Amino acid sequence: MNEQIRAREVRLVGPEGEQVGIVPLERALQLAADVDLDLVEVAPMARPPVCKLMDFGKFKYESALKAREARRNQQQTVIKEMKLRPKIDPHDYETKKGHVVRFLKAGDKVKVTIMFRGREQSRPELGYRLLRRLESEITDLGYVEAAPKQDGRNMIMVLAPHRAVKASAVAATASRGGPRERAEETGAPEAGETPAAGETAAAGETGPTAETSGQ
């Protein structure tokens, strides 16, 4: 920047992005001084290097603001887990479906796991049918990101919120701000709260589970 530039000539860009052309470094520095701006090397590897006239202090300030805003609006990816049995009681199913709906509305992905025991392992169609039923009942909030797949004694399906649903959740979280926002982003309970029964928060695909299976 300014006197630190070592090239003999530079391709100069004006403060509004207009192309000035190739000029000697001394001329570029004089033009910068005339308008009280900095001469900043924006493409040092070009031949000749490209320099721009700008208020470097203002540029750094605006860049920091944009980066801070991007971090504030960024929502950490959280995957909740819900475990069900293939012969789950209707009431338990509705309760667990309610958790799935709440997770999707919050902008989280949900890993739904069907747990087979004993002879149930010979009836994988029961789990598949249950997952397809759940999929059909949450179509307004999310979609199947990973189709049902047998994994040992379990069958797993991953649901993800629709883009509009997630955007709404991000906006709601950002508008609340404060400690609660951080707690929700990390999936951690606030002071004085305990995780709701049947919920498991995991950063990524794996993590400890606090889920209790439906009987």
N, C-alpha and C. Protein backbone atom coordinates (compact mmCIF):
# COMPACT_ATOMS: atom_id res chain seq x y z
N MET A 1 0.84 -1.19 0.00
CA MET A 1 0.00 0.00 0.00
C MET A 1 0.88 1.25 0.00
N ASN A 2 0.48 2.24 -0.80
CA ASN A 2 1.20 3.51 -0.90
C ASN A 2 2.70 3.29 -1.16
N GLU A 3 3.58 3.87 -0.32
CA GLU A 3 5.02 3.81 -0.55
C GLU A 3 5.61 2.41 -0.41
N GLN A 4 4.81 1.46 0.11
CA GLN A 4 5.30 0.09 0.24
C GLN A 4 5.29 -0.65 -1.10
N ILE A 5 4.59 -0.11 -2.08
CA ILE A 5 4.52 -0.75 -3.40
C ILE A 5 5.87 -0.59 -4.08
N ARG A 6 6.38 -1.68 -4.66
CA ARG A 6 7.72 -1.66 -5.24
C ARG A 6 7.73 -1.66 -6.77
N ALA A 7 6.61 -1.84 -7.42
CA ALA A 7 6.58 -1.88 -8.88
C ALA A 7 6.90 -0.51 -9.47
N ARG A 8 7.48 -0.50 -10.65
CA ARG A 8 7.81 0.78 -11.31
C ARG A 8 6.57 1.42 -11.92
N GLU A 9 5.63 0.58 -12.38
CA GLU A 9 4.39 1.09 -12.94
C GLU A 9 3.25 0.17 -12.53
N VAL A 10 2.05 0.72 -12.53
CA VAL A 10 0.88 -0.06 -12.08
C VAL A 10 -0.29 0.20 -13.03
N ARG A 11 -1.20 -0.78 -13.03
CA ARG A 11 -2.46 -0.58 -13.75
C ARG A 11 -3.43 0.04 -12.73
N LEU A 12 -3.78 1.28 -12.94
CA LEU A 12 -4.53 2.04 -11.94
C LEU A 12 -6.04 1.98 -12.18
N VAL A 13 -6.75 1.76 -11.06
CA VAL A 13 -8.21 1.77 -11.06
C VAL A 13 -8.66 2.92 -10.16
N GLY A 14 -9.57 3.74 -10.65
CA GLY A 14 -10.04 4.90 -9.89
C GLY A 14 -10.94 4.51 -8.73
N PRO A 15 -11.31 5.46 -7.88
CA PRO A 15 -12.13 5.17 -6.68
C PRO A 15 -13.52 4.65 -7.01
N GLU A 16 -14.02 4.93 -8.22
CA GLU A 16 -15.35 4.45 -8.60
C GLU A 16 -15.26 3.21 -9.49
N GLY A 17 -14.07 2.64 -9.60
CA GLY A 17 -13.89 1.45 -10.41
C GLY A 17 -13.53 1.72 -11.85
N GLU A 18 -13.34 3.00 -12.19
CA GLU A 18 -13.00 3.35 -13.57
C GLU A 18 -11.53 3.01 -13.87
N GLN A 19 -11.30 2.58 -15.09
CA GLN A 19 -9.95 2.20 -15.50
C GLN A 19 -9.16 3.45 -15.93
N VAL A 20 -8.08 3.73 -15.20
CA VAL A 20 -7.23 4.87 -15.53
C VAL A 20 -6.17 4.46 -16.55
N GLY A 21 -5.69 3.22 -16.42
CA GLY A 21 -4.68 2.71 -17.33
C GLY A 21 -3.35 2.47 -16.63
N ILE A 22 -2.33 2.14 -17.40
CA ILE A 22 -1.00 1.88 -16.84
C ILE A 22 -0.26 3.20 -16.68
N VAL A 23 0.17 3.46 -15.44
CA VAL A 23 0.86 4.72 -15.14
C VAL A 23 2.08 4.41 -14.27
N PRO A 24 3.08 5.30 -14.27
CA PRO A 24 4.23 5.13 -13.37
C PRO A 24 3.76 5.19 -11.92
N LEU A 25 4.47 4.48 -11.05
CA LEU A 25 4.10 4.44 -9.64
C LEU A 25 4.05 5.85 -9.05
N GLU A 26 5.04 6.70 -9.41
CA GLU A 26 5.07 8.06 -8.87
C GLU A 26 3.80 8.83 -9.23
N ARG A 27 3.32 8.63 -10.46
CA ARG A 27 2.11 9.31 -10.91
C ARG A 27 0.89 8.81 -10.13
N ALA A 28 0.82 7.48 -9.90
CA ALA A 28 -0.29 6.90 -9.16
C ALA A 28 -0.31 7.42 -7.72
N LEU A 29 0.87 7.51 -7.10
CA LEU A 29 0.94 8.03 -5.72
C LEU A 29 0.52 9.50 -5.67
N GLN A 30 0.87 10.27 -6.70
CA GLN A 30 0.50 11.68 -6.73
C GLN A 30 -1.01 11.84 -6.87
N LEU A 31 -1.63 10.99 -7.74
CA LEU A 31 -3.08 11.04 -7.91
C LEU A 31 -3.79 10.67 -6.60
N ALA A 32 -3.24 9.70 -5.86
CA ALA A 32 -3.83 9.31 -4.58
C ALA A 32 -3.75 10.46 -3.59
N ALA A 33 -2.60 11.14 -3.55
CA ALA A 33 -2.43 12.27 -2.63
C ALA A 33 -3.35 13.42 -2.99
N ASP A 34 -3.57 13.63 -4.30
CA ASP A 34 -4.41 14.75 -4.75
C ASP A 34 -5.86 14.60 -4.27
N VAL A 35 -6.35 13.35 -4.17
CA VAL A 35 -7.75 13.15 -3.76
C VAL A 35 -7.84 12.61 -2.32
N ASP A 36 -6.71 12.63 -1.59
CA ASP A 36 -6.65 12.21 -0.20
C ASP A 36 -7.14 10.77 -0.02
N LEU A 37 -6.62 9.89 -0.88
CA LEU A 37 -6.95 8.47 -0.80
C LEU A 37 -5.66 7.65 -0.75
N ASP A 38 -5.80 6.36 -0.49
CA ASP A 38 -4.66 5.45 -0.46
C ASP A 38 -4.53 4.75 -1.81
N LEU A 39 -3.31 4.39 -2.13
CA LEU A 39 -3.04 3.57 -3.30
C LEU A 39 -2.85 2.14 -2.79
N VAL A 40 -3.80 1.27 -3.13
CA VAL A 40 -3.80 -0.09 -2.58
C VAL A 40 -3.62 -1.10 -3.69
N GLU A 41 -2.67 -2.01 -3.49
CA GLU A 41 -2.41 -3.08 -4.45
C GLU A 41 -3.50 -4.14 -4.29
N VAL A 42 -4.33 -4.33 -5.32
CA VAL A 42 -5.42 -5.30 -5.22
C VAL A 42 -5.13 -6.58 -5.99
N ALA A 43 -4.18 -6.54 -6.92
CA ALA A 43 -3.78 -7.74 -7.66
C ALA A 43 -2.27 -7.69 -7.84
N PRO A 44 -1.52 -8.01 -6.77
CA PRO A 44 -0.05 -7.88 -6.81
C PRO A 44 0.63 -8.85 -7.79
N MET A 45 -0.02 -9.94 -8.15
CA MET A 45 0.60 -10.92 -9.03
C MET A 45 0.42 -10.59 -10.51
N ALA A 46 -0.44 -9.61 -10.80
CA ALA A 46 -0.64 -9.23 -12.21
C ALA A 46 0.60 -8.50 -12.72
N ARG A 47 0.73 -8.43 -14.02
CA ARG A 47 1.86 -7.72 -14.64
C ARG A 47 1.35 -6.69 -15.63
N PRO A 48 1.41 -5.40 -15.30
CA PRO A 48 1.86 -4.85 -14.03
C PRO A 48 0.79 -5.06 -12.94
N PRO A 49 1.18 -4.92 -11.67
CA PRO A 49 0.20 -5.11 -10.60
C PRO A 49 -0.93 -4.08 -10.69
N VAL A 50 -2.13 -4.51 -10.26
CA VAL A 50 -3.30 -3.63 -10.29
C VAL A 50 -3.43 -2.93 -8.95
N CYS A 51 -3.56 -1.61 -9.00
CA CYS A 51 -3.74 -0.82 -7.77
C CYS A 51 -5.02 0.00 -7.89
N LYS A 52 -5.61 0.26 -6.74
CA LYS A 52 -6.86 1.02 -6.73
C LYS A 52 -6.77 2.17 -5.73
N LEU A 53 -7.39 3.29 -6.10
CA LEU A 53 -7.48 4.43 -5.20
C LEU A 53 -8.67 4.22 -4.28
N MET A 54 -8.43 4.20 -2.96
CA MET A 54 -9.52 3.97 -2.02
C MET A 54 -9.16 4.51 -0.64
N ASP A 55 -10.20 4.66 0.18
CA ASP A 55 -10.00 4.99 1.60
C ASP A 55 -9.80 3.67 2.31
N PHE A 56 -8.56 3.29 2.57
CA PHE A 56 -8.28 1.96 3.09
C PHE A 56 -8.87 1.76 4.49
N GLY A 57 -8.85 2.80 5.32
CA GLY A 57 -9.42 2.69 6.67
C GLY A 57 -10.91 2.40 6.60
N LYS A 58 -11.61 3.10 5.71
CA LYS A 58 -13.05 2.88 5.55
C LYS A 58 -13.31 1.49 5.00
N PHE A 59 -12.47 1.04 4.07
CA PHE A 59 -12.61 -0.28 3.47
C PHE A 59 -12.48 -1.37 4.53
N LYS A 60 -11.48 -1.26 5.42
CA LYS A 60 -11.28 -2.24 6.47
C LYS A 60 -12.47 -2.25 7.44
N TYR A 61 -12.98 -1.06 7.77
CA TYR A 61 -14.11 -0.97 8.68
C TYR A 61 -15.35 -1.64 8.10
N GLU A 62 -15.65 -1.35 6.83
CA GLU A 62 -16.82 -1.94 6.20
C GLU A 62 -16.66 -3.45 6.04
N SER A 63 -15.45 -3.92 5.76
CA SER A 63 -15.21 -5.35 5.63
C SER A 63 -15.44 -6.06 6.96
N ALA A 64 -15.00 -5.42 8.06
CA ALA A 64 -15.19 -6.01 9.39
C ALA A 64 -16.67 -6.08 9.74
N LEU A 65 -17.44 -5.03 9.36
CA LEU A 65 -18.88 -5.03 9.62
C LEU A 65 -19.57 -6.16 8.87
N LYS A 66 -19.18 -6.36 7.60
CA LYS A 66 -19.79 -7.42 6.80
C LYS A 66 -19.46 -8.79 7.37
N ALA A 67 -18.22 -8.98 7.81
CA ALA A 67 -17.83 -10.26 8.38
C ALA A 67 -18.58 -10.54 9.68
N ARG A 68 -18.76 -9.49 10.50
CA ARG A 68 -19.49 -9.65 11.76
C ARG A 68 -20.95 -10.00 11.50
N GLU A 69 -21.55 -9.35 10.50
CA GLU A 69 -22.94 -9.62 10.15
C GLU A 69 -23.10 -11.04 9.63
N ALA A 70 -22.13 -11.49 8.84
CA ALA A 70 -22.19 -12.86 8.31
C ALA A 70 -22.12 -13.88 9.44
N ARG A 71 -21.24 -13.62 10.42
CA ARG A 71 -21.13 -14.54 11.56
C ARG A 71 -22.40 -14.54 12.38
N ARG A 72 -23.01 -13.36 12.53
CA ARG A 72 -24.22 -13.26 13.35
C ARG A 72 -25.38 -14.02 12.72
N ASN A 73 -25.45 -13.98 11.39
CA ASN A 73 -26.56 -14.63 10.69
C ASN A 73 -26.30 -16.10 10.41
N GLN A 74 -25.07 -16.54 10.66
CA GLN A 74 -24.73 -17.93 10.38
C GLN A 74 -25.32 -18.82 11.46
N GLN A 75 -25.96 -19.89 11.03
CA GLN A 75 -26.53 -20.83 12.00
C GLN A 75 -25.77 -22.14 11.91
N GLN A 76 -25.26 -22.58 13.04
CA GLN A 76 -24.51 -23.83 13.07
C GLN A 76 -25.44 -24.99 12.73
N THR A 77 -24.96 -25.90 11.88
CA THR A 77 -25.75 -27.06 11.51
C THR A 77 -25.91 -27.99 12.71
N VAL A 78 -27.15 -28.27 13.05
CA VAL A 78 -27.44 -29.14 14.18
C VAL A 78 -28.32 -30.29 13.68
N ILE A 79 -27.97 -31.50 14.06
CA ILE A 79 -28.78 -32.66 13.70
C ILE A 79 -29.37 -33.26 14.97
N LYS A 80 -30.67 -33.24 15.04
CA LYS A 80 -31.37 -33.87 16.15
C LYS A 80 -31.62 -35.33 15.80
N GLU A 81 -31.83 -36.15 16.80
CA GLU A 81 -32.11 -37.56 16.54
C GLU A 81 -33.39 -37.98 17.24
N MET A 82 -34.22 -38.72 16.52
CA MET A 82 -35.44 -39.25 17.09
C MET A 82 -35.47 -40.76 16.84
N LYS A 83 -35.64 -41.53 17.92
CA LYS A 83 -35.65 -42.99 17.80
C LYS A 83 -37.06 -43.53 18.03
N LEU A 84 -37.44 -44.47 17.18
CA LEU A 84 -38.75 -45.08 17.26
C LEU A 84 -38.62 -46.60 17.14
N ARG A 85 -39.64 -47.30 17.63
CA ARG A 85 -39.73 -48.74 17.44
C ARG A 85 -40.70 -49.01 16.30
N PRO A 86 -40.52 -50.10 15.56
CA PRO A 86 -41.40 -50.36 14.42
C PRO A 86 -42.87 -50.56 14.81
N LYS A 87 -43.10 -51.02 16.06
CA LYS A 87 -44.48 -51.23 16.53
C LYS A 87 -44.84 -50.19 17.59
N ILE A 88 -44.44 -48.96 17.35
CA ILE A 88 -44.66 -47.89 18.33
C ILE A 88 -46.14 -47.63 18.57
N ASP A 89 -46.48 -47.32 19.80
CA ASP A 89 -47.86 -46.99 20.16
C ASP A 89 -48.29 -45.72 19.43
N PRO A 90 -49.53 -45.64 18.96
CA PRO A 90 -50.00 -44.45 18.23
C PRO A 90 -49.78 -43.14 18.98
N HIS A 91 -50.01 -43.15 20.30
CA HIS A 91 -49.83 -41.93 21.08
C HIS A 91 -48.35 -41.52 21.11
N ASP A 92 -47.48 -42.52 21.32
CA ASP A 92 -46.04 -42.23 21.33
C ASP A 92 -45.58 -41.72 19.97
N TYR A 93 -46.15 -42.30 18.92
CA TYR A 93 -45.78 -41.84 17.56
C TYR A 93 -46.13 -40.37 17.38
N GLU A 94 -47.32 -39.98 17.80
CA GLU A 94 -47.73 -38.58 17.64
C GLU A 94 -46.84 -37.65 18.47
N THR A 95 -46.45 -38.12 19.66
CA THR A 95 -45.57 -37.30 20.50
C THR A 95 -44.22 -37.09 19.82
N LYS A 96 -43.65 -38.18 19.30
CA LYS A 96 -42.35 -38.08 18.66
C LYS A 96 -42.42 -37.33 17.34
N LYS A 97 -43.51 -37.48 16.62
CA LYS A 97 -43.68 -36.69 15.40
C LYS A 97 -43.73 -35.20 15.75
N GLY A 98 -44.34 -34.88 16.89
CA GLY A 98 -44.38 -33.49 17.33
C GLY A 98 -42.98 -32.93 17.57
N HIS A 99 -42.08 -33.76 18.12
CA HIS A 99 -40.69 -33.34 18.30
C HIS A 99 -40.03 -33.09 16.96
N VAL A 100 -40.26 -34.00 16.01
CA VAL A 100 -39.67 -33.84 14.67
C VAL A 100 -40.14 -32.54 14.02
N VAL A 101 -41.43 -32.27 14.13
CA VAL A 101 -41.99 -31.04 13.58
C VAL A 101 -41.33 -29.82 14.21
N ARG A 102 -41.16 -29.86 15.53
CA ARG A 102 -40.55 -28.73 16.23
C ARG A 102 -39.09 -28.54 15.80
N PHE A 103 -38.36 -29.64 15.63
CA PHE A 103 -36.97 -29.55 15.19
C PHE A 103 -36.88 -28.91 13.81
N LEU A 104 -37.73 -29.37 12.89
CA LEU A 104 -37.70 -28.84 11.53
C LEU A 104 -38.06 -27.35 11.52
N LYS A 105 -39.05 -26.96 12.31
CA LYS A 105 -39.44 -25.54 12.39
C LYS A 105 -38.30 -24.68 12.93
N ALA A 106 -37.44 -25.29 13.76
CA ALA A 106 -36.29 -24.57 14.31
C ALA A 106 -35.13 -24.52 13.33
N GLY A 107 -35.31 -25.15 12.15
CA GLY A 107 -34.26 -25.11 11.13
C GLY A 107 -33.25 -26.23 11.26
N ASP A 108 -33.52 -27.24 12.11
CA ASP A 108 -32.58 -28.34 12.32
C ASP A 108 -32.91 -29.54 11.43
N LYS A 109 -31.87 -30.31 11.13
CA LYS A 109 -32.08 -31.59 10.47
C LYS A 109 -32.45 -32.62 11.53
N VAL A 110 -33.09 -33.69 11.09
CA VAL A 110 -33.50 -34.73 12.04
C VAL A 110 -33.11 -36.10 11.49
N LYS A 111 -32.35 -36.86 12.29
CA LYS A 111 -32.05 -38.24 11.94
C LYS A 111 -33.07 -39.12 12.66
N VAL A 112 -33.91 -39.79 11.88
CA VAL A 112 -34.94 -40.65 12.45
C VAL A 112 -34.44 -42.09 12.38
N THR A 113 -34.39 -42.74 13.54
CA THR A 113 -33.87 -44.09 13.63
C THR A 113 -34.95 -45.06 14.08
N ILE A 114 -35.18 -46.10 13.28
CA ILE A 114 -36.08 -47.17 13.69
C ILE A 114 -35.23 -48.29 14.27
N MET A 115 -35.51 -48.67 15.52
CA MET A 115 -34.72 -49.68 16.21
C MET A 115 -35.46 -51.02 16.20
N PHE A 116 -34.84 -52.03 15.60
CA PHE A 116 -35.42 -53.36 15.53
C PHE A 116 -34.83 -54.23 16.64
N ARG A 117 -35.68 -55.07 17.22
CA ARG A 117 -35.22 -56.00 18.26
C ARG A 117 -35.76 -57.40 17.95
N GLY A 118 -34.91 -58.38 18.23
CA GLY A 118 -35.34 -59.77 18.07
C GLY A 118 -35.89 -60.06 16.69
N ARG A 119 -37.09 -60.66 16.68
CA ARG A 119 -37.70 -61.07 15.41
C ARG A 119 -38.12 -59.90 14.52
N GLU A 120 -38.15 -58.69 15.11
CA GLU A 120 -38.52 -57.52 14.30
C GLU A 120 -37.53 -57.30 13.15
N GLN A 121 -36.31 -57.82 13.33
CA GLN A 121 -35.30 -57.63 12.29
C GLN A 121 -35.67 -58.32 10.99
N SER A 122 -36.54 -59.30 11.07
CA SER A 122 -36.98 -60.01 9.86
C SER A 122 -38.14 -59.29 9.16
N ARG A 123 -38.57 -58.15 9.74
CA ARG A 123 -39.68 -57.40 9.15
C ARG A 123 -39.28 -55.95 8.89
N PRO A 124 -38.24 -55.72 8.06
CA PRO A 124 -37.79 -54.34 7.81
C PRO A 124 -38.85 -53.46 7.15
N GLU A 125 -39.83 -54.12 6.50
CA GLU A 125 -40.89 -53.32 5.85
C GLU A 125 -41.71 -52.52 6.85
N LEU A 126 -41.75 -53.00 8.13
CA LEU A 126 -42.48 -52.25 9.16
C LEU A 126 -41.82 -50.90 9.41
N GLY A 127 -40.49 -50.92 9.51
CA GLY A 127 -39.78 -49.66 9.71
C GLY A 127 -39.86 -48.76 8.50
N TYR A 128 -39.73 -49.35 7.33
CA TYR A 128 -39.80 -48.56 6.09
C TYR A 128 -41.16 -47.88 5.97
N ARG A 129 -42.22 -48.63 6.29
CA ARG A 129 -43.58 -48.08 6.21
C ARG A 129 -43.76 -46.93 7.20
N LEU A 130 -43.19 -47.08 8.39
CA LEU A 130 -43.32 -46.04 9.41
C LEU A 130 -42.58 -44.77 8.99
N LEU A 131 -41.38 -44.93 8.41
CA LEU A 131 -40.62 -43.77 7.95
C LEU A 131 -41.33 -43.06 6.81
N ARG A 132 -41.92 -43.82 5.91
CA ARG A 132 -42.64 -43.20 4.79
C ARG A 132 -43.89 -42.47 5.29
N ARG A 133 -44.51 -43.01 6.32
CA ARG A 133 -45.66 -42.32 6.89
C ARG A 133 -45.23 -40.98 7.48
N LEU A 134 -44.13 -41.00 8.23
CA LEU A 134 -43.62 -39.76 8.82
C LEU A 134 -43.26 -38.76 7.73
N GLU A 135 -42.61 -39.24 6.69
CA GLU A 135 -42.22 -38.36 5.58
C GLU A 135 -43.45 -37.66 4.99
N SER A 136 -44.53 -38.43 4.77
CA SER A 136 -45.73 -37.86 4.15
C SER A 136 -46.42 -36.84 5.04
N GLU A 137 -46.19 -36.93 6.37
CA GLU A 137 -46.88 -36.04 7.30
C GLU A 137 -46.09 -34.77 7.63
N ILE A 138 -44.85 -34.65 7.13
CA ILE A 138 -44.07 -33.45 7.40
C ILE A 138 -43.63 -32.75 6.09
N THR A 139 -44.29 -33.08 4.99
CA THR A 139 -43.86 -32.55 3.69
C THR A 139 -43.94 -31.03 3.61
N ASP A 140 -44.81 -30.40 4.40
CA ASP A 140 -44.91 -28.94 4.36
C ASP A 140 -43.73 -28.27 5.06
N LEU A 141 -43.01 -29.03 5.89
CA LEU A 141 -41.89 -28.45 6.65
C LEU A 141 -40.52 -28.91 6.14
N GLY A 142 -40.43 -30.15 5.65
CA GLY A 142 -39.13 -30.66 5.26
C GLY A 142 -39.21 -31.73 4.19
N TYR A 143 -38.08 -32.29 3.88
CA TYR A 143 -37.97 -33.31 2.84
C TYR A 143 -36.94 -34.35 3.28
N VAL A 144 -36.91 -35.47 2.59
CA VAL A 144 -35.97 -36.54 2.90
C VAL A 144 -34.62 -36.23 2.26
N GLU A 145 -33.62 -35.95 3.10
CA GLU A 145 -32.27 -35.69 2.59
C GLU A 145 -31.51 -36.98 2.37
N ALA A 146 -31.74 -37.97 3.22
CA ALA A 146 -31.11 -39.28 3.07
C ALA A 146 -32.21 -40.33 3.20
N ALA A 147 -32.43 -41.09 2.13
CA ALA A 147 -33.51 -42.08 2.10
C ALA A 147 -33.29 -43.15 3.16
N PRO A 148 -34.37 -43.84 3.56
CA PRO A 148 -34.25 -44.91 4.57
C PRO A 148 -33.20 -45.94 4.17
N LYS A 149 -32.34 -46.30 5.12
CA LYS A 149 -31.26 -47.25 4.85
C LYS A 149 -31.05 -48.13 6.08
N GLN A 150 -30.93 -49.42 5.84
CA GLN A 150 -30.69 -50.36 6.93
C GLN A 150 -29.25 -50.24 7.41
N ASP A 151 -29.08 -50.14 8.72
CA ASP A 151 -27.75 -50.03 9.31
C ASP A 151 -27.70 -50.96 10.52
N GLY A 152 -27.34 -52.23 10.27
CA GLY A 152 -27.35 -53.21 11.35
C GLY A 152 -28.76 -53.46 11.84
N ARG A 153 -29.00 -53.26 13.12
CA ARG A 153 -30.33 -53.46 13.69
C ARG A 153 -31.23 -52.24 13.51
N ASN A 154 -30.71 -51.19 12.96
CA ASN A 154 -31.47 -49.94 12.82
C ASN A 154 -31.75 -49.62 11.35
N MET A 155 -32.76 -48.81 11.15
CA MET A 155 -33.04 -48.23 9.84
C MET A 155 -33.05 -46.72 10.04
N ILE A 156 -32.32 -46.00 9.19
CA ILE A 156 -32.10 -44.57 9.40
C ILE A 156 -32.58 -43.76 8.20
N MET A 157 -33.20 -42.63 8.49
CA MET A 157 -33.61 -41.67 7.47
C MET A 157 -33.30 -40.27 7.99
N VAL A 158 -32.81 -39.40 7.14
CA VAL A 158 -32.49 -38.02 7.56
C VAL A 158 -33.45 -37.05 6.89
N LEU A 159 -34.08 -36.22 7.70
CA LEU A 159 -34.98 -35.18 7.21
C LEU A 159 -34.30 -33.82 7.33
N ALA A 160 -34.57 -32.94 6.39
CA ALA A 160 -34.01 -31.58 6.42
C ALA A 160 -35.13 -30.59 6.19
N PRO A 161 -35.07 -29.42 6.81
CA PRO A 161 -36.13 -28.41 6.61
C PRO A 161 -36.04 -27.79 5.23
N HIS A 162 -37.18 -27.39 4.69
CA HIS A 162 -37.17 -26.66 3.43
C HIS A 162 -36.40 -25.35 3.61
N ARG A 163 -35.88 -24.82 2.53
CA ARG A 163 -35.05 -23.61 2.60
C ARG A 163 -35.82 -22.45 3.24
N ALA A 164 -37.09 -22.29 2.88
CA ALA A 164 -37.88 -21.18 3.43
C ALA A 164 -38.09 -21.35 4.93
N VAL A 165 -38.29 -22.60 5.37
CA VAL A 165 -38.49 -22.87 6.80
C VAL A 165 -37.21 -22.56 7.57
N LYS A 166 -36.06 -22.97 7.03
CA LYS A 166 -34.80 -22.71 7.71
C LYS A 166 -34.49 -21.22 7.75
N ALA A 167 -34.77 -20.51 6.64
CA ALA A 167 -34.53 -19.06 6.60
C ALA A 167 -35.37 -18.35 7.65
N SER A 168 -36.61 -18.80 7.81
CA SER A 168 -37.49 -18.20 8.82
C SER A 168 -36.95 -18.45 10.22
N ALA A 169 -36.42 -19.67 10.45
CA ALA A 169 -35.87 -20.00 11.77
C ALA A 169 -34.62 -19.18 12.06
N VAL A 170 -33.77 -19.00 11.04
CA VAL A 170 -32.55 -18.21 11.21
C VAL A 170 -32.90 -16.77 11.54
N ALA A 171 -33.89 -16.20 10.83
CA ALA A 171 -34.30 -14.82 11.07
C ALA A 171 -34.86 -14.66 12.48
N ALA A 172 -35.66 -15.64 12.92
CA ALA A 172 -36.24 -15.57 14.27
C ALA A 172 -35.16 -15.66 15.33
N THR A 173 -34.18 -16.53 15.12
CA THR A 173 -33.08 -16.67 16.07
C THR A 173 -32.25 -15.40 16.15
N ALA A 174 -31.95 -14.80 14.98
CA ALA A 174 -31.14 -13.59 14.94
C ALA A 174 -31.85 -12.42 15.62
N SER A 175 -33.18 -12.36 15.47
CA SER A 175 -33.93 -11.25 16.06
C SER A 175 -33.98 -11.33 17.58
N ARG A 176 -33.86 -12.57 18.13
CA ARG A 176 -33.89 -12.70 19.59
C ARG A 176 -32.58 -12.25 20.20
N GLY A 177 -31.44 -12.70 19.60
CA GLY A 177 -30.12 -12.29 20.09
C GLY A 177 -29.88 -12.76 21.51
N GLY A 178 -28.73 -12.32 22.10
CA GLY A 178 -28.44 -12.58 23.50
C GLY A 178 -28.05 -14.02 23.76
N PRO A 179 -27.99 -14.39 25.04
CA PRO A 179 -27.54 -15.72 25.45
C PRO A 179 -28.39 -16.83 24.89
N ARG A 180 -29.71 -16.59 24.73
CA ARG A 180 -30.57 -17.65 24.26
C ARG A 180 -30.21 -18.03 22.84
N GLU A 181 -29.82 -17.02 22.03
CA GLU A 181 -29.42 -17.30 20.66
C GLU A 181 -28.25 -18.26 20.63
N ARG A 182 -27.24 -18.01 21.45
CA ARG A 182 -26.06 -18.88 21.47
C ARG A 182 -26.44 -20.28 21.95
N ALA A 183 -27.33 -20.36 22.96
CA ALA A 183 -27.73 -21.66 23.48
C ALA A 183 -28.42 -22.46 22.41
N GLU A 184 -29.29 -21.81 21.61
CA GLU A 184 -30.02 -22.53 20.58
C GLU A 184 -29.10 -22.93 19.45
N GLU A 185 -28.13 -22.09 19.10
CA GLU A 185 -27.23 -22.41 18.01
C GLU A 185 -26.40 -23.64 18.32
N THR A 186 -25.98 -23.80 19.55
CA THR A 186 -25.12 -24.92 19.90
C THR A 186 -25.91 -26.14 20.36
N GLY A 187 -27.23 -25.98 20.49
CA GLY A 187 -28.04 -27.10 20.95
C GLY A 187 -27.93 -27.30 22.44
N ALA A 188 -27.35 -26.33 23.17
CA ALA A 188 -27.16 -26.46 24.61
C ALA A 188 -28.31 -25.78 25.34
N PRO A 189 -28.78 -26.34 26.46
CA PRO A 189 -29.85 -25.70 27.23
C PRO A 189 -29.33 -24.49 27.96
N GLU A 190 -30.23 -23.53 28.19
CA GLU A 190 -29.86 -22.35 28.98
C GLU A 190 -29.77 -22.74 30.45
N ALA A 191 -29.20 -21.83 31.24
CA ALA A 191 -29.10 -22.07 32.67
C ALA A 191 -30.50 -22.26 33.24
N GLY A 192 -30.67 -23.30 34.04
CA GLY A 192 -31.97 -23.55 34.65
C GLY A 192 -32.86 -24.43 33.80
N GLU A 193 -32.42 -24.77 32.56
CA GLU A 193 -33.22 -25.63 31.70
C GLU A 193 -32.56 -26.98 31.60
N THR A 194 -33.36 -27.98 31.24
CA THR A 194 -32.84 -29.31 30.95
C THR A 194 -33.33 -29.71 29.59
N PRO A 195 -32.59 -30.54 28.85
CA PRO A 195 -33.03 -30.95 27.52
C PRO A 195 -34.37 -31.65 27.59
N ALA A 196 -35.21 -31.40 26.60
CA ALA A 196 -36.51 -32.05 26.56
C ALA A 196 -36.33 -33.54 26.34
N ALA A 197 -37.21 -34.31 26.97
CA ALA A 197 -37.13 -35.77 26.80
C ALA A 197 -37.32 -36.12 25.35
N GLY A 198 -36.53 -37.07 24.87
CA GLY A 198 -36.67 -37.51 23.49
C GLY A 198 -35.88 -36.69 22.51
N GLU A 199 -35.02 -35.77 22.95
CA GLU A 199 -34.24 -34.94 22.04
C GLU A 199 -32.78 -35.32 22.15
N THR A 200 -32.10 -35.28 21.01
CA THR A 200 -30.66 -35.47 20.99
C THR A 200 -30.09 -34.45 20.05
N ALA A 201 -29.19 -33.58 20.50
CA ALA A 201 -28.55 -32.61 19.63
C ALA A 201 -27.16 -33.12 19.34
N ALA A 202 -26.77 -33.03 18.06
CA ALA A 202 -25.43 -33.46 17.69
C ALA A 202 -24.89 -32.54 16.64
N ALA A 203 -23.62 -32.11 16.80
CA ALA A 203 -22.99 -31.28 15.78
C ALA A 203 -22.40 -32.22 14.76
N GLY A 204 -23.07 -32.39 13.64
CA GLY A 204 -22.64 -33.34 12.64
C GLY A 204 -23.52 -34.58 12.72
N GLU A 205 -23.04 -35.68 12.15
CA GLU A 205 -23.85 -36.88 12.05
C GLU A 205 -23.83 -37.74 13.30
N THR A 206 -22.86 -37.52 14.18
CA THR A 206 -22.76 -38.39 15.33
C THR A 206 -22.82 -37.59 16.61
N GLY A 207 -23.02 -38.26 17.73
CA GLY A 207 -23.03 -37.57 19.00
C GLY A 207 -23.74 -38.42 20.03
N PRO A 208 -23.61 -38.08 21.29
CA PRO A 208 -24.27 -38.84 22.34
C PRO A 208 -25.76 -38.68 22.24
N THR A 209 -26.50 -39.72 22.58
CA THR A 209 -27.95 -39.67 22.45
C THR A 209 -28.60 -39.71 23.80
N ALA A 210 -29.65 -38.88 23.95
CA ALA A 210 -30.43 -38.87 25.17
C ALA A 210 -31.82 -39.37 24.86
N GLU A 211 -31.97 -40.04 23.70
CA GLU A 211 -33.28 -40.49 23.23
C GLU A 211 -33.73 -41.73 23.97
N THR A 212 -35.01 -41.81 24.22
CA THR A 212 -35.58 -43.04 24.75
C THR A 212 -36.49 -43.59 23.69
N SER A 213 -36.42 -44.84 23.43
CA SER A 213 -37.19 -45.42 22.35
C SER A 213 -38.66 -45.51 22.74
N GLY A 214 -39.51 -45.39 21.70
CA GLY A 214 -40.94 -45.55 21.94
C GLY A 214 -41.27 -47.02 22.01
N GLN A 215 -42.17 -47.32 22.88
CA GLN A 215 -42.51 -48.74 23.04
C GLN A 215 -43.76 -49.06 22.21
